[in-house]
Protein backbone atom coordinates (compact mmCIF):
# COMPACT_ATOMS: atom_id res chain seq x y z
CA MET A 1 0.00 0.00 0.00
CA SER A 2 1.37 3.37 -0.96
CA GLU A 3 1.84 5.91 1.74
CA VAL A 4 0.97 9.57 1.21
CA MET A 5 3.67 11.68 2.79
CA PRO A 6 2.67 15.02 4.31
CA ALA A 7 3.70 18.07 2.31
CA ALA A 8 7.00 19.47 3.40
CA ARG A 9 6.70 22.65 5.39
CA SER A 10 8.78 25.62 4.34
CA ARG A 11 11.49 26.39 6.85
CA PRO A 12 10.76 29.50 8.92
CA THR A 13 12.91 32.52 8.18
CA MET A 14 14.64 34.86 10.58
CA ARG A 15 11.86 37.36 9.91
CA ASP A 16 9.41 34.80 11.30
CA VAL A 17 11.40 34.74 14.53
CA ALA A 18 11.46 38.54 14.71
CA GLU A 19 7.73 38.80 14.06
CA ARG A 20 6.88 36.09 16.58
CA ALA A 21 8.99 37.79 19.25
CA GLY A 22 7.89 41.29 18.29
CA VAL A 23 11.45 42.55 17.80
CA SER A 24 13.73 43.69 14.97
CA LEU A 25 15.90 41.38 12.89
CA LYS A 26 18.98 42.97 14.42
CA THR A 27 17.75 42.09 17.90
CA VAL A 28 17.31 38.45 16.86
CA SER A 29 20.85 38.47 15.46
CA ARG A 30 22.23 39.89 18.70
CA VAL A 31 20.50 37.24 20.78
CA ILE A 32 21.69 34.37 18.58
CA ASN A 33 25.25 35.67 18.45
CA GLU A 34 25.23 36.49 22.18
CA GLU A 35 25.98 40.16 21.57
CA PRO A 36 25.36 42.75 24.31
CA GLY A 37 22.61 45.34 24.27
CA VAL A 38 19.47 43.16 24.55
CA ALA A 39 17.36 43.31 27.68
CA GLY A 40 16.72 40.03 29.49
CA PRO A 41 12.94 39.84 28.84
CA THR A 42 13.49 40.62 25.17
CA ALA A 43 16.14 37.92 24.81
CA GLU A 44 13.76 35.48 26.48
CA ARG A 45 10.99 36.29 23.98
CA VAL A 46 13.40 35.63 21.12
CA ALA A 47 14.44 32.31 22.67
CA VAL A 48 10.80 31.29 23.07
CA ALA A 49 10.07 32.20 19.43
CA ILE A 50 13.02 30.08 18.27
CA ALA A 51 11.75 27.13 20.26
CA GLU A 52 8.15 27.53 19.08
CA LEU A 53 9.19 27.76 15.43
CA GLY A 54 11.50 24.77 15.71
CA PHE A 55 14.76 26.44 14.81
CA GLN A 56 18.06 24.70 15.35
CA ARG A 57 20.41 27.23 16.90
CA ASN A 58 23.22 26.65 14.37
CA ASP A 59 20.90 26.95 11.37
CA LEU A 60 19.46 30.23 12.54
CA ALA A 61 22.83 31.66 13.50
CA ARG A 62 24.16 30.83 10.03
CA SER A 63 21.18 32.49 8.38
CA LEU A 64 21.57 35.59 10.50
CA ARG A 65 25.31 35.88 9.97
CA GLN A 66 24.98 35.54 6.19
CA GLY A 67 21.85 37.65 6.00
CA ARG A 68 19.83 35.45 3.69
CA SER A 69 18.10 32.09 3.31
CA SER A 70 18.55 30.96 -0.31
CA SER A 71 22.03 32.45 -0.86
CA THR A 72 21.20 34.03 -4.21
CA ILE A 73 21.40 37.65 -5.36
CA GLY A 74 19.76 38.85 -8.58
CA LEU A 75 21.26 41.63 -10.74
CA VAL A 76 19.62 43.18 -13.80
CA ILE A 77 21.83 45.51 -15.84
CA GLU A 78 21.53 47.07 -19.29
CA ASP A 79 24.30 45.55 -21.40
CA MET A 80 26.91 43.10 -20.17
CA GLY A 81 29.07 43.99 -23.19
CA ASN A 82 29.46 47.56 -21.96
CA PRO A 83 32.54 47.83 -19.69
CA PHE A 84 30.62 50.19 -17.40
CA TYR A 85 28.03 47.54 -16.57
CA SER A 86 30.45 44.61 -16.56
CA ALA A 87 32.48 46.46 -13.90
CA ILE A 88 29.33 46.83 -11.79
CA ALA A 89 28.57 43.13 -12.19
CA GLN A 90 32.12 42.17 -11.16
CA ALA A 91 31.88 44.24 -7.99
CA VAL A 92 28.49 42.78 -7.04
CA GLU A 93 29.75 39.26 -7.76
CA ALA A 94 32.77 39.80 -5.50
CA ALA A 95 30.57 41.10 -2.68
CA ALA A 96 28.16 38.19 -3.10
CA ALA A 97 31.03 35.71 -2.95
CA ASP A 98 32.29 37.33 0.26
CA HIS A 99 28.87 36.60 1.78
CA GLY A 100 28.72 33.05 0.42
CA CYS A 101 26.09 33.96 -2.17
CA MET A 102 25.67 33.13 -5.84
CA LEU A 103 24.93 35.95 -8.30
CA ILE A 104 22.46 35.67 -11.19
CA THR A 105 23.02 38.44 -13.76
CA SER A 106 20.78 39.36 -16.69
CA SER A 107 20.73 42.17 -19.28
CA CYS A 108 17.51 43.99 -20.16
CA GLU A 109 18.99 46.06 -23.01
CA GLU A 110 17.01 49.25 -22.27
CA ASP A 111 13.73 47.35 -22.80
CA PRO A 112 11.14 48.05 -20.06
CA ASP A 113 9.16 44.89 -20.89
CA ARG A 114 12.29 42.76 -20.73
CA GLU A 115 13.22 44.43 -17.43
CA ARG A 116 9.91 43.44 -15.90
CA ALA A 117 10.11 39.87 -17.23
CA LEU A 118 13.62 39.43 -15.81
CA VAL A 119 12.69 40.92 -12.45
CA GLN A 120 9.67 38.62 -12.21
CA ALA A 121 11.77 35.60 -13.15
CA LEU A 122 14.34 36.40 -10.46
CA LEU A 123 11.67 36.94 -7.83
CA ARG A 124 10.09 33.59 -8.76
CA ARG A 125 13.49 32.07 -8.02
CA ARG A 126 13.21 33.63 -4.56
CA VAL A 127 16.43 35.61 -4.72
CA ASP A 128 17.34 37.10 -1.37
CA ALA A 129 17.94 40.57 -2.81
CA LEU A 130 17.47 42.26 -6.17
CA LEU A 131 19.81 44.88 -7.68
CA LEU A 132 18.53 46.70 -10.74
CA VAL A 133 19.69 49.20 -13.36
CA PRO A 134 16.21 50.27 -14.47
CA ALA A 135 15.03 50.60 -18.05
CA SER A 136 11.45 51.61 -17.23
CA ASP A 137 10.18 54.61 -15.28
CA ASP A 138 7.49 52.82 -13.25
CA HIS A 139 8.55 50.27 -10.65
CA ALA A 140 5.41 50.04 -8.56
CA TYR A 141 5.09 46.44 -9.75
CA ILE A 142 8.25 45.52 -7.83
CA SER A 143 6.70 46.56 -4.52
CA ARG A 144 3.71 44.33 -5.20
CA GLU A 145 5.73 41.31 -6.31
CA ALA A 146 8.81 41.50 -4.09
CA GLY A 147 6.93 42.24 -0.91
CA GLU A 148 8.67 43.51 2.21
CA ASN A 149 11.15 40.68 2.66
CA THR A 150 13.26 41.13 -0.49
CA PRO A 151 15.57 44.16 -0.47
CA VAL A 152 15.67 46.02 -3.79
CA VAL A 153 18.50 48.41 -4.68
CA PHE A 154 18.58 50.59 -7.80
CA LEU A 155 21.85 51.44 -9.54
CA ASP A 156 22.82 54.21 -11.96
CA ARG A 157 19.23 55.50 -12.24
CA PRO A 158 16.57 56.16 -9.61
CA PRO A 159 13.33 54.15 -9.42
CA GLY A 160 9.97 55.45 -10.54
CA GLY A 161 6.79 55.07 -8.51
CA ILE A 162 8.49 53.66 -5.42
CA GLU A 163 11.10 54.65 -2.85
CA ALA A 164 14.11 52.37 -2.52
CA ASP A 165 17.81 52.36 -1.79
CA THR A 166 19.63 53.92 -4.76
CA VAL A 167 23.25 54.34 -5.87
CA LEU A 168 23.96 57.02 -8.50
CA LEU A 169 26.87 58.76 -10.17
CA ASP A 170 27.35 62.51 -9.93
CA ASN A 171 26.33 62.79 -13.58
CA ARG A 172 25.43 66.45 -13.52
CA GLY A 173 28.52 67.57 -11.65
CA GLY A 174 30.82 65.47 -13.82
CA ALA A 175 29.42 66.86 -17.06
CA ARG A 176 29.59 70.39 -15.73
CA SER A 177 33.27 69.97 -14.88
CA ALA A 178 33.95 68.77 -18.44
CA ILE A 179 32.30 71.80 -20.03
CA GLU A 180 33.91 74.22 -17.58
CA HIS A 181 37.26 72.76 -18.60
CA LEU A 182 36.54 73.28 -22.31
CA LEU A 183 35.33 76.81 -21.66
CA ALA A 184 38.54 77.52 -19.76
CA GLN A 185 40.50 76.54 -22.88
CA GLY A 186 38.63 79.25 -24.81
CA HIS A 187 35.97 77.12 -26.52
CA ARG A 188 32.51 78.55 -27.14
CA ARG A 189 31.11 76.34 -29.92
CA ILE A 190 30.86 73.15 -27.87
CA ALA A 191 28.86 70.20 -29.18
CA CYS A 192 27.12 67.61 -27.01
CA VAL A 193 26.76 64.08 -28.42
CA ALA A 194 24.71 61.88 -26.10
CA ASP A 195 21.82 59.49 -25.55
CA PRO A 196 18.21 60.70 -25.77
CA ASP A 197 17.45 62.76 -22.68
CA ARG A 198 14.54 60.52 -21.72
CA LEU A 199 17.25 58.46 -20.02
CA TYR A 200 18.05 59.70 -16.52
CA THR A 201 21.82 59.67 -16.93
CA ALA A 202 21.68 61.43 -20.29
CA SER A 203 19.29 64.04 -18.91
CA GLU A 204 21.53 64.74 -15.93
CA ARG A 205 24.65 65.04 -18.08
CA LEU A 206 22.85 67.34 -20.53
CA GLN A 207 21.80 69.50 -17.60
CA GLY A 208 25.41 69.68 -16.44
CA PHE A 209 26.35 70.82 -19.95
CA ARG A 210 23.65 73.51 -19.86
CA ASP A 211 24.58 74.60 -16.32
CA ALA A 212 28.18 75.29 -17.31
CA MET A 213 27.28 77.09 -20.54
CA ASP A 214 24.64 79.22 -18.83
CA ALA A 215 26.98 80.12 -15.95
CA ALA A 216 29.57 81.30 -18.50
CA GLY A 217 26.97 83.29 -20.44
CA VAL A 218 27.59 81.24 -23.59
CA GLU A 219 24.58 80.65 -25.81
CA ILE A 220 24.01 77.04 -26.79
CA ASP A 221 23.63 76.36 -30.50
CA PRO A 222 20.77 73.80 -30.82
CA ASP A 223 22.41 72.36 -33.94
CA LEU A 224 25.37 71.29 -31.82
CA VAL A 225 23.27 69.30 -29.33
CA ARG A 226 22.73 65.80 -30.74
CA LEU A 227 20.77 63.46 -28.51
CA ASP A 228 19.98 60.71 -30.98
CA THR A 229 22.93 58.37 -30.47
CA HIS A 230 23.09 55.20 -28.41
CA SER A 231 26.23 53.44 -29.61
CA ALA A 232 29.58 54.07 -31.27
CA ASP A 233 28.41 53.88 -34.90
CA PRO A 234 25.65 56.52 -34.65
CA ALA A 235 28.01 58.72 -32.62
CA GLU A 236 30.63 58.50 -35.37
CA ARG A 237 28.02 59.49 -37.96
CA VAL A 238 26.81 62.44 -35.88
CA VAL A 239 30.34 63.74 -35.27
CA ARG A 240 31.10 63.54 -38.99
CA GLU A 241 27.97 65.61 -39.63
CA LEU A 242 29.13 68.18 -37.08
CA LEU A 243 32.57 68.38 -38.68
CA ALA A 244 30.94 68.99 -42.08
CA LEU A 245 29.20 72.17 -40.90
CA ALA A 246 30.34 75.54 -42.22
CA PRO A 247 33.48 76.86 -40.48
CA ASP A 248 31.58 79.46 -38.47
CA ARG A 249 29.12 76.82 -37.20
CA ARG A 250 31.45 73.87 -36.79
CA PRO A 251 32.21 72.96 -33.14
CA THR A 252 35.71 73.53 -31.86
CA ALA A 253 35.10 71.09 -29.01
CA ILE A 254 32.92 68.04 -28.42
CA PHE A 255 31.55 66.58 -25.20
CA THR A 256 30.48 62.92 -25.48
CA GLY A 257 27.93 61.48 -23.07
CA ASN A 258 29.44 58.04 -22.47
CA ASN A 259 32.27 55.71 -23.44
CA ARG A 260 30.54 54.39 -26.57
CA HIS A 261 29.94 57.91 -27.87
CA THR A 262 33.58 58.74 -27.20
CA VAL A 263 34.77 55.76 -29.25
CA GLY A 264 32.56 56.84 -32.15
CA ALA A 265 33.82 60.42 -31.90
CA LEU A 266 37.43 59.24 -31.93
CA ARG A 267 36.83 57.35 -35.15
CA ALA A 268 35.37 60.46 -36.79
CA LEU A 269 38.20 62.64 -35.46
CA ARG A 270 40.99 60.37 -36.73
CA GLY A 271 43.56 62.68 -38.30
CA LEU A 272 41.96 65.75 -36.69
CA GLU A 273 43.13 65.13 -33.13
CA HIS A 274 44.96 68.45 -32.94
CA GLU A 275 42.07 70.48 -34.42
CA VAL A 276 39.01 69.62 -32.30
CA ALA A 277 38.97 69.23 -28.51
CA LEU A 278 37.22 66.23 -26.98
CA VAL A 279 36.15 65.34 -23.44
CA GLY A 280 34.18 62.15 -22.81
CA PHE A 281 32.11 60.97 -19.87
CA ASP A 282 33.42 57.54 -18.69
CA ASP A 283 36.96 56.32 -18.95
CA PHE A 284 37.77 53.43 -21.25
CA GLU A 285 40.60 50.99 -21.89
CA LEU A 286 43.68 52.42 -23.65
CA ALA A 287 42.29 55.98 -23.56
CA ASP A 288 45.66 57.15 -22.24
CA LEU A 289 47.63 55.39 -25.02
CA LEU A 290 46.03 56.94 -28.09
CA VAL A 291 47.91 59.27 -30.44
CA MET A 292 46.10 62.04 -28.60
CA PRO A 293 45.26 60.63 -25.14
CA THR A 294 41.63 61.24 -24.29
CA THR A 295 40.54 63.58 -21.50
CA VAL A 296 37.62 62.01 -19.63
CA VAL A 297 35.28 62.38 -16.69
CA ARG A 298 36.31 59.32 -14.73
CA HIS A 299 34.52 57.45 -11.99
CA ASP A 300 34.89 54.09 -10.34
CA SER A 301 32.11 51.97 -11.87
CA GLN A 302 32.82 49.22 -9.39
CA GLU A 303 31.98 51.61 -6.57
CA LEU A 304 28.37 51.58 -7.80
CA GLY A 305 28.28 47.81 -7.49
CA ARG A 306 30.06 47.76 -4.13
CA HIS A 307 27.74 50.34 -2.59
CA ALA A 308 24.63 48.62 -3.98
CA ALA A 309 25.70 45.24 -2.62
CA GLU A 310 26.51 46.83 0.74
CA LEU A 311 23.03 48.33 0.95
CA ALA A 312 21.42 45.02 0.03
CA PHE A 313 23.33 43.02 2.65
CA MET A 314 22.71 45.76 5.20
CA ARG A 315 18.97 45.27 4.70
CA LEU A 316 19.35 41.50 4.85
CA ASP A 317 21.12 41.95 8.19
CA GLY A 318 17.93 43.56 9.47
CA ARG A 319 18.90 47.22 9.42
CA ASP A 320 15.72 49.15 8.83
CA GLY A 321 15.20 52.84 8.16
CA PRO A 322 14.27 55.10 5.27
CA PRO A 323 15.66 54.48 1.77
CA ARG A 324 19.26 55.55 1.36
CA ARG A 325 20.75 57.43 -1.58
CA VAL A 326 24.48 57.14 -2.30
CA VAL A 327 26.16 59.39 -4.89
CA VAL A 328 29.49 58.23 -6.29
CA PRO A 329 31.80 61.14 -7.21
CA THR A 330 33.50 61.79 -10.56
CA GLU A 331 36.80 63.43 -11.49
CA LEU A 332 38.15 65.13 -14.59
CA VAL A 333 41.27 63.38 -15.92
CA ILE A 334 43.31 65.70 -18.18
CA ARG A 335 45.25 63.84 -20.86
CA GLY A 336 45.46 66.10 -23.91
CA SER A 337 42.36 65.86 -26.09
CA GLY A 338 40.39 68.30 -23.95
CA GLU A 339 43.21 70.83 -23.99
CA VAL A 340 43.27 71.41 -27.76
CA PRO A 341 42.73 75.19 -28.23
CA PRO A 342 40.02 76.59 -30.52
CA GLN A 343 41.08 76.70 -34.17
């Protein structure tokens, strides 16, 4: 005769202990790890909750120390082939490994529908935390589907429709420093080649461009602001169009909005390195070894990943509080291309 086995019960989580005892996750951690600072009656409530829920002391302590139950972190970025995003992924992977976690990384390629599908797939896998470079501007669905027990951290761009921990670059300040540098070299006809400004990062960098030009009292020529590029090839085409303008309208300097735009601009400027100044946002490999080394607005992309992972594990450790916003600084690196004087 076959025997019907009872359905396996899901193992209680550390949040179950905290809820049963009416305390914070941090308090549970302190009791398990025998840390000071917990009143006797409170510690007793935690001990009772552990007993009632059937925890083994070692299992719970391990969960609390590592800050998760399934040991998996989900990361959704835009394009793994872009060094900017691969650096973020490497930093998150290193942090996950330090905490004994596995990282699942996916690329949504600036597609809001793909972003949502990937996020839902990761949440179905019950990842302990989700890190996301958003493509859409409405993330209310994440609150509904992730619930309160899965920390969500946004990188590079802020969320829309919800409040969450966020790690950003100083996009506006970095772009402003680039334009101020070009203005200091005597340039007035400065072109901006960037992504469409519907993207948060592009919008912030464009605003930094405008801030610097406005502060210097320099009128912006709309024909020199090209926001229809998203990769190196379109950027090369746009820069060639700018170089073909009449001499009195042609830019004497170009600001590129990211590393891909800079690569495209360099292709178009081949042979003209000493005639047109160039400053790009984002550093890139071998930029300092070119015939004319490229001046860039540099930042540590891995810092974005490190800070995001730190916020996620902080939440998993039970630290509550309002959403945090971390801004990673940028710096102007002078190498030669941005110092070409106006012709």
